[in-house]
N, C-alpha and C. Protein backbone atom coordinates (compact mmCIF):
# COMPACT_ATOMS: atom_id res chain seq x y z
N UNK A 1 -26.32 -10.98 1.65
CA UNK A 1 -25.81 -10.66 2.91
C UNK A 1 -25.26 -12.21 3.44
N UNK A 2 -24.37 -12.10 4.38
CA UNK A 2 -23.74 -13.21 4.76
C UNK A 2 -24.55 -13.87 5.81
N UNK A 3 -24.25 -15.13 6.11
CA UNK A 3 -25.14 -15.82 7.18
C UNK A 3 -24.51 -15.62 8.51
N UNK A 4 -25.50 -15.56 9.47
CA UNK A 4 -25.15 -15.23 10.80
C UNK A 4 -24.43 -16.73 11.39
N UNK A 5 -23.44 -16.38 12.01
CA UNK A 5 -22.61 -17.69 12.63
C UNK A 5 -22.80 -17.59 14.23
N UNK A 6 -22.95 -18.56 14.73
CA UNK A 6 -23.05 -18.88 16.23
C UNK A 6 -21.97 -19.84 16.57
N UNK A 7 -21.05 -19.47 17.39
CA UNK A 7 -19.97 -20.30 17.85
C UNK A 7 -19.68 -20.25 19.37
N UNK A 8 -19.46 -21.40 19.99
CA UNK A 8 -18.94 -21.34 21.27
C UNK A 8 -17.50 -21.19 21.44
N UNK A 9 -17.11 -20.16 22.42
CA UNK A 9 -15.67 -19.84 22.58
C UNK A 9 -15.47 -20.03 24.25
N UNK A 10 -14.29 -20.08 24.55
CA UNK A 10 -13.92 -20.19 25.90
C UNK A 10 -12.96 -19.05 26.31
N UNK A 11 -13.69 -18.21 27.15
CA UNK A 11 -12.89 -16.88 27.70
C UNK A 11 -12.69 -16.99 29.20
N UNK A 12 -11.68 -16.91 29.56
CA UNK A 12 -11.55 -16.94 31.00
C UNK A 12 -11.99 -18.28 31.63
N UNK A 13 -11.85 -19.36 30.98
CA UNK A 13 -12.49 -20.57 31.59
C UNK A 13 -13.91 -20.82 31.28
N UNK A 14 -14.58 -19.88 30.98
CA UNK A 14 -16.15 -19.97 30.76
C UNK A 14 -16.45 -20.04 29.34
N UNK A 15 -17.56 -20.69 29.05
CA UNK A 15 -17.88 -20.85 27.77
C UNK A 15 -19.14 -19.95 27.38
N UNK A 16 -18.80 -19.21 26.26
CA UNK A 16 -19.83 -18.18 25.84
C UNK A 16 -20.17 -18.62 24.45
N UNK A 17 -21.39 -18.11 23.91
CA UNK A 17 -21.73 -18.40 22.47
C UNK A 17 -21.79 -16.98 22.02
N UNK A 18 -20.98 -16.84 20.91
CA UNK A 18 -20.86 -15.52 20.26
C UNK A 18 -21.53 -15.72 18.77
N UNK A 19 -22.24 -14.72 18.53
CA UNK A 19 -23.06 -14.61 17.11
C UNK A 19 -22.67 -13.59 16.56
N UNK A 20 -22.54 -13.54 15.13
CA UNK A 20 -22.04 -12.39 14.40
C UNK A 20 -22.05 -12.91 12.90
N UNK A 21 -21.80 -12.05 12.12
CA UNK A 21 -21.82 -12.27 10.54
C UNK A 21 -20.30 -12.58 10.15
N UNK A 22 -19.35 -12.57 11.01
CA UNK A 22 -18.04 -13.19 10.68
C UNK A 22 -17.83 -14.67 10.80
N UNK A 23 -16.70 -15.16 10.47
CA UNK A 23 -16.50 -16.55 10.35
C UNK A 23 -16.22 -16.96 11.80
N UNK A 24 -16.44 -18.30 11.82
CA UNK A 24 -16.16 -19.07 13.22
C UNK A 24 -14.84 -18.74 13.61
N UNK A 25 -13.94 -18.84 12.56
CA UNK A 25 -12.47 -18.73 12.80
C UNK A 25 -12.16 -17.39 13.32
N UNK A 26 -12.66 -16.36 12.80
CA UNK A 26 -12.68 -14.94 13.28
C UNK A 26 -12.98 -14.82 14.69
N UNK A 27 -14.19 -15.33 15.00
CA UNK A 27 -14.79 -15.10 16.40
C UNK A 27 -13.85 -16.01 17.31
N UNK A 28 -13.32 -17.06 16.92
CA UNK A 28 -12.28 -17.84 17.87
C UNK A 28 -11.09 -16.95 18.13
N UNK A 29 -10.68 -16.12 17.04
CA UNK A 29 -9.36 -15.46 17.10
C UNK A 29 -9.63 -14.34 18.05
N UNK A 30 -10.88 -13.76 18.00
CA UNK A 30 -11.23 -12.60 19.01
C UNK A 30 -11.07 -13.20 20.50
N UNK A 31 -11.68 -14.25 20.67
CA UNK A 31 -11.81 -14.80 21.95
C UNK A 31 -10.26 -15.26 22.43
N UNK A 32 -9.58 -15.83 21.43
CA UNK A 32 -8.11 -16.05 21.89
C UNK A 32 -7.21 -14.81 22.23
N UNK A 33 -7.54 -13.81 21.46
CA UNK A 33 -7.06 -12.41 21.89
C UNK A 33 -7.40 -12.06 23.25
N UNK A 34 -8.55 -12.08 23.65
CA UNK A 34 -9.05 -11.71 24.88
C UNK A 34 -8.37 -12.62 25.98
N UNK A 35 -8.29 -13.96 25.86
CA UNK A 35 -7.68 -14.88 26.64
C UNK A 35 -6.20 -14.57 26.78
N UNK A 36 -5.55 -14.21 25.58
CA UNK A 36 -4.13 -13.72 25.93
C UNK A 36 -3.92 -12.56 26.72
N UNK A 37 -4.79 -11.52 26.47
CA UNK A 37 -4.61 -10.32 27.35
C UNK A 37 -4.89 -10.75 28.83
N UNK A 38 -5.93 -11.51 29.18
CA UNK A 38 -6.12 -11.98 30.53
C UNK A 38 -5.00 -12.63 31.05
N UNK A 39 -4.40 -13.48 30.19
CA UNK A 39 -3.07 -14.25 30.61
C UNK A 39 -2.02 -13.30 30.94
N UNK A 40 -1.88 -12.22 30.10
CA UNK A 40 -0.69 -11.37 30.25
C UNK A 40 -0.96 -10.69 31.39
N UNK A 41 -2.18 -10.22 31.73
CA UNK A 41 -2.33 -9.35 33.12
C UNK A 41 -2.40 -10.13 34.24
N UNK A 42 -2.77 -11.47 34.18
CA UNK A 42 -2.78 -12.25 35.37
C UNK A 42 -1.49 -12.57 35.87
N UNK A 43 -0.40 -12.45 35.06
CA UNK A 43 0.85 -12.66 35.50
C UNK A 43 1.44 -11.38 36.22
N UNK A 44 0.72 -10.35 36.32
CA UNK A 44 1.22 -9.22 37.17
C UNK A 44 0.72 -9.09 38.45
N UNK A 45 1.54 -9.03 39.51
CA UNK A 45 1.17 -9.05 40.91
C UNK A 45 0.13 -7.76 41.27
N UNK A 46 0.59 -6.57 40.54
CA UNK A 46 -0.18 -5.31 40.85
C UNK A 46 -1.73 -5.52 40.20
N UNK A 47 -1.84 -6.26 39.21
CA UNK A 47 -3.08 -6.33 38.43
C UNK A 47 -3.89 -7.34 39.45
N UNK A 48 -3.26 -8.44 39.88
CA UNK A 48 -4.06 -9.41 40.64
C UNK A 48 -4.49 -8.73 42.03
N UNK A 49 -3.76 -7.88 42.52
CA UNK A 49 -4.31 -7.31 43.82
C UNK A 49 -5.48 -6.30 43.76
N UNK A 50 -5.74 -5.89 42.50
CA UNK A 50 -6.99 -5.23 42.06
C UNK A 50 -8.31 -5.83 42.33
N UNK A 51 -9.39 -5.13 42.47
CA UNK A 51 -10.76 -5.71 42.57
C UNK A 51 -11.08 -6.09 41.18
N UNK A 52 -12.05 -7.07 40.97
CA UNK A 52 -12.55 -7.65 39.77
C UNK A 52 -13.00 -6.38 38.81
N UNK A 53 -13.75 -5.38 39.47
CA UNK A 53 -14.17 -4.27 38.59
C UNK A 53 -13.06 -3.46 38.20
N UNK A 54 -12.09 -3.24 38.95
CA UNK A 54 -10.98 -2.40 38.54
C UNK A 54 -10.09 -3.30 37.48
N UNK A 55 -10.00 -4.58 37.63
CA UNK A 55 -9.30 -5.45 36.72
C UNK A 55 -9.86 -5.35 35.43
N UNK A 56 -11.29 -5.32 35.22
CA UNK A 56 -12.07 -5.30 34.09
C UNK A 56 -11.84 -3.90 33.31
N UNK A 57 -11.74 -2.87 34.04
CA UNK A 57 -11.59 -1.59 33.48
C UNK A 57 -10.15 -1.46 32.94
N UNK A 58 -9.29 -2.04 33.72
CA UNK A 58 -7.84 -1.98 33.12
C UNK A 58 -7.66 -2.83 31.80
N UNK A 59 -8.40 -4.02 31.82
CA UNK A 59 -8.24 -4.84 30.46
C UNK A 59 -9.06 -3.93 29.47
N UNK A 60 -10.17 -3.46 29.70
CA UNK A 60 -10.82 -2.69 28.68
C UNK A 60 -10.10 -1.48 28.14
N UNK A 61 -9.39 -0.81 29.08
CA UNK A 61 -8.45 0.19 28.81
C UNK A 61 -7.29 -0.07 27.92
N UNK A 62 -6.79 -1.32 28.29
CA UNK A 62 -5.64 -1.71 27.48
C UNK A 62 -6.19 -2.22 26.17
N UNK A 63 -7.27 -2.85 25.98
CA UNK A 63 -7.75 -3.27 24.66
C UNK A 63 -8.09 -2.04 23.75
N UNK A 64 -8.71 -0.93 24.44
CA UNK A 64 -8.96 0.15 23.55
C UNK A 64 -7.59 0.87 23.32
N UNK A 65 -6.59 0.75 24.15
CA UNK A 65 -5.23 1.36 23.64
C UNK A 65 -4.68 0.54 22.62
N UNK A 66 -4.72 -0.74 22.50
CA UNK A 66 -4.28 -1.57 21.35
C UNK A 66 -5.04 -1.13 20.08
N UNK A 67 -6.28 -0.99 20.31
CA UNK A 67 -7.18 -0.45 19.13
C UNK A 67 -6.83 0.92 18.36
N UNK A 68 -6.67 1.82 19.48
CA UNK A 68 -6.29 3.21 18.97
C UNK A 68 -4.85 3.22 18.30
N UNK A 69 -3.92 2.41 18.88
CA UNK A 69 -2.64 2.30 18.33
C UNK A 69 -2.63 1.72 16.91
N UNK A 70 -3.34 0.63 16.84
CA UNK A 70 -3.53 0.04 15.56
C UNK A 70 -4.16 0.91 14.52
N UNK A 71 -5.09 1.65 15.13
CA UNK A 71 -5.82 2.54 14.13
C UNK A 71 -4.92 3.67 13.68
N UNK A 72 -4.03 4.08 14.59
CA UNK A 72 -3.20 5.33 14.35
C UNK A 72 -2.22 4.73 13.39
N UNK A 73 -1.80 3.51 13.42
CA UNK A 73 -0.70 2.89 12.43
C UNK A 73 -1.37 2.74 10.98
N UNK A 74 -2.69 2.33 10.99
CA UNK A 74 -3.36 2.11 9.78
C UNK A 74 -3.33 3.51 9.14
N UNK A 75 -3.76 4.63 9.84
CA UNK A 75 -3.93 5.87 9.33
C UNK A 75 -2.60 6.32 8.76
N UNK A 76 -1.55 6.08 9.46
CA UNK A 76 -0.28 6.42 8.95
C UNK A 76 0.18 5.66 7.69
N UNK A 77 -0.14 4.24 7.62
CA UNK A 77 -0.09 3.55 6.53
C UNK A 77 -0.89 3.99 5.40
N UNK A 78 -1.78 4.29 5.49
CA UNK A 78 -2.71 4.89 4.53
C UNK A 78 -2.42 6.21 3.91
N UNK A 79 -1.92 7.12 4.83
CA UNK A 79 -1.14 8.31 4.30
C UNK A 79 0.05 8.19 3.66
N UNK A 80 0.74 7.18 3.93
CA UNK A 80 2.12 6.85 3.16
C UNK A 80 1.66 6.28 1.87
N UNK A 81 0.64 5.35 1.95
CA UNK A 81 0.21 4.87 0.73
C UNK A 81 -0.28 5.83 -0.25
N UNK A 82 -0.99 6.69 0.25
CA UNK A 82 -1.53 7.82 -0.65
C UNK A 82 -0.39 8.83 -1.08
N UNK A 83 0.63 9.13 -0.45
CA UNK A 83 1.86 9.72 -0.90
C UNK A 83 2.57 8.99 -1.99
N UNK A 84 2.57 7.48 -1.70
CA UNK A 84 3.34 6.74 -2.85
C UNK A 84 2.42 6.48 -4.09
N UNK A 85 1.15 6.41 -3.95
CA UNK A 85 0.37 6.61 -5.19
C UNK A 85 0.34 7.79 -5.78
N UNK A 86 0.49 8.98 -4.99
CA UNK A 86 0.82 10.37 -5.81
C UNK A 86 2.27 10.29 -6.43
N UNK A 87 2.92 9.79 -5.95
CA UNK A 87 4.51 9.92 -6.44
C UNK A 87 4.52 8.91 -7.67
N UNK A 88 3.89 7.69 -7.51
CA UNK A 88 3.84 6.85 -8.83
C UNK A 88 2.97 7.66 -9.86
N UNK A 89 2.00 8.30 -9.60
CA UNK A 89 1.20 9.23 -10.74
C UNK A 89 2.17 10.07 -11.33
N UNK A 90 2.74 10.76 -10.50
CA UNK A 90 3.65 11.85 -10.80
C UNK A 90 4.73 11.29 -11.90
N UNK A 91 5.39 10.29 -11.43
CA UNK A 91 6.35 9.48 -12.18
C UNK A 91 5.72 8.97 -13.57
N UNK A 92 4.63 8.49 -13.46
CA UNK A 92 3.87 7.99 -14.78
C UNK A 92 3.60 9.01 -15.68
N UNK A 93 3.25 10.26 -15.05
CA UNK A 93 3.12 11.49 -15.88
C UNK A 93 4.41 12.01 -16.59
N UNK A 94 5.45 12.02 -15.73
CA UNK A 94 6.69 12.48 -16.18
C UNK A 94 7.09 11.36 -17.41
N UNK A 95 7.04 10.17 -17.15
CA UNK A 95 7.40 9.09 -18.11
C UNK A 95 6.67 9.58 -19.40
N UNK A 96 5.48 9.70 -19.50
CA UNK A 96 4.55 9.94 -20.52
C UNK A 96 4.94 11.15 -21.30
N UNK A 97 5.22 12.18 -20.39
CA UNK A 97 5.72 13.52 -21.05
C UNK A 97 7.04 13.31 -21.69
N UNK A 98 8.20 12.49 -21.14
CA UNK A 98 9.40 12.23 -21.59
C UNK A 98 9.32 11.35 -22.86
N UNK A 99 8.26 10.50 -22.80
CA UNK A 99 8.00 9.57 -24.04
C UNK A 99 7.68 10.44 -25.20
N UNK A 100 6.73 11.26 -25.05
CA UNK A 100 6.30 12.33 -26.06
C UNK A 100 7.54 12.99 -26.52
N UNK A 101 8.39 13.65 -25.67
CA UNK A 101 9.44 14.41 -26.07
C UNK A 101 10.51 13.54 -26.90
N UNK A 102 10.67 12.43 -26.28
CA UNK A 102 11.44 11.40 -27.10
C UNK A 102 10.89 11.10 -28.55
N UNK A 103 9.74 10.79 -28.52
CA UNK A 103 9.03 10.52 -30.05
C UNK A 103 9.18 11.88 -30.86
N UNK A 104 9.04 13.02 -30.32
CA UNK A 104 9.17 14.24 -31.14
C UNK A 104 10.52 14.34 -31.36
N UNK A 105 11.56 14.06 -30.55
CA UNK A 105 13.00 14.32 -30.97
C UNK A 105 13.43 13.17 -32.06
N UNK A 106 12.85 12.08 -31.95
CA UNK A 106 13.16 10.97 -32.76
C UNK A 106 12.63 11.40 -34.28
N UNK A 107 11.28 11.92 -34.34
CA UNK A 107 10.79 12.38 -35.62
C UNK A 107 11.70 13.33 -36.14
N UNK A 108 11.89 14.38 -35.39
CA UNK A 108 12.89 15.64 -35.78
C UNK A 108 14.27 15.10 -36.39
N UNK A 109 14.76 14.02 -35.55
CA UNK A 109 15.95 13.51 -35.91
C UNK A 109 15.93 12.95 -37.34
N UNK A 110 14.89 11.98 -37.61
CA UNK A 110 14.83 11.36 -38.86
C UNK A 110 14.53 12.38 -39.93
N UNK A 111 13.74 13.55 -39.64
CA UNK A 111 13.65 14.55 -40.67
C UNK A 111 14.80 15.07 -41.11
N UNK A 112 15.87 15.45 -39.93
CA UNK A 112 17.02 16.03 -40.20
C UNK A 112 18.02 15.01 -40.88
N UNK A 113 17.85 13.92 -40.52
CA UNK A 113 18.72 12.87 -41.44
C UNK A 113 18.46 12.80 -42.77
N UNK A 114 17.23 12.81 -43.03
CA UNK A 114 16.65 12.88 -44.49
C UNK A 114 17.28 14.01 -45.33
N UNK A 115 17.18 15.21 -44.40
CA UNK A 115 17.69 16.54 -45.11
C UNK A 115 19.18 16.46 -45.27
N UNK A 116 19.80 15.77 -44.37
CA UNK A 116 21.37 15.66 -44.39
C UNK A 116 21.58 14.80 -45.64
N UNK A 117 20.90 13.53 -45.69
CA UNK A 117 21.20 12.64 -46.93
C UNK A 117 20.95 13.39 -48.26
N UNK A 118 19.81 14.39 -48.19
CA UNK A 118 19.57 15.07 -49.41
C UNK A 118 20.59 15.98 -49.69
N UNK A 119 21.14 16.65 -48.64
CA UNK A 119 22.36 17.61 -48.92
C UNK A 119 23.54 16.91 -49.33
N UNK A 120 23.80 15.72 -48.71
CA UNK A 120 25.01 14.88 -49.40
C UNK A 120 24.91 14.44 -50.78
N UNK A 121 23.74 14.08 -51.19
CA UNK A 121 23.50 13.75 -52.49
C UNK A 121 23.76 15.00 -53.45
N UNK A 122 23.15 16.16 -53.00
CA UNK A 122 23.28 17.44 -53.83
C UNK A 122 24.69 17.66 -53.96
N UNK A 123 25.46 17.59 -52.90
CA UNK A 123 27.04 17.98 -52.88
C UNK A 123 27.53 16.75 -53.66
N UNK A 124 27.19 15.61 -53.82
CA UNK A 124 27.87 14.72 -54.75
C UNK A 124 27.49 14.91 -56.11
N UNK A 125 26.39 15.42 -56.35
CA UNK A 125 25.91 15.82 -57.73
C UNK A 125 26.56 16.91 -58.22
N UNK A 126 26.84 17.87 -57.22
CA UNK A 126 27.61 19.13 -57.56
C UNK A 126 29.09 18.91 -57.89
N UNK A 127 29.61 17.98 -57.13
CA UNK A 127 31.14 17.53 -57.19
C UNK A 127 31.26 16.79 -58.55
N UNK A 128 30.27 15.85 -58.95
CA UNK A 128 30.27 15.20 -60.08
C UNK A 128 30.18 16.12 -61.26
N UNK A 129 29.22 17.01 -61.20
CA UNK A 129 29.03 17.92 -62.24
C UNK A 129 30.30 18.87 -62.54
N UNK A 130 30.92 19.34 -61.39
CA UNK A 130 32.23 20.22 -61.34
C UNK A 130 33.35 19.32 -62.03
N UNK A 131 33.39 18.01 -61.79
CA UNK A 131 34.35 17.24 -62.20
C UNK A 131 34.23 17.04 -63.62
N UNK A 132 33.22 16.91 -64.10
CA UNK A 132 32.86 16.54 -65.65
C UNK A 132 33.18 17.77 -66.44
N UNK A 133 33.10 19.19 -65.70
CA UNK A 133 33.25 20.37 -66.50
C UNK A 133 34.74 20.63 -66.51
N UNK A 134 35.36 20.10 -65.75
CA UNK A 134 37.01 20.25 -65.50
C UNK A 134 37.66 19.36 -66.69
């Protein structure tokens, strides 16, 4: 099991100690994400006119919206990946099937070529035999 990490981060100008099993870098990125959201919203006059409670709820809703959009995108990408993996599997199966057919055709062609060579030899013997009789 990973070691627990404690790190100090600054969110909204206040220092917080975060603890978790993620890396310090990850915890700093989470804090940075929150700070960027706060900065984004603080630039909106309509947001600044709201009470602190309403501002917090709006921030939470926006972060949840980001999460669900990202999750939806991941789900779509996983579906796409699954479809591509199935397509690759089908193509590999088709390739193997075609390789087997090719090998079979190649074997049959070699056999027919040998039969043709034998037939040519037989014809040549027959022609030689008929010339010697004439």
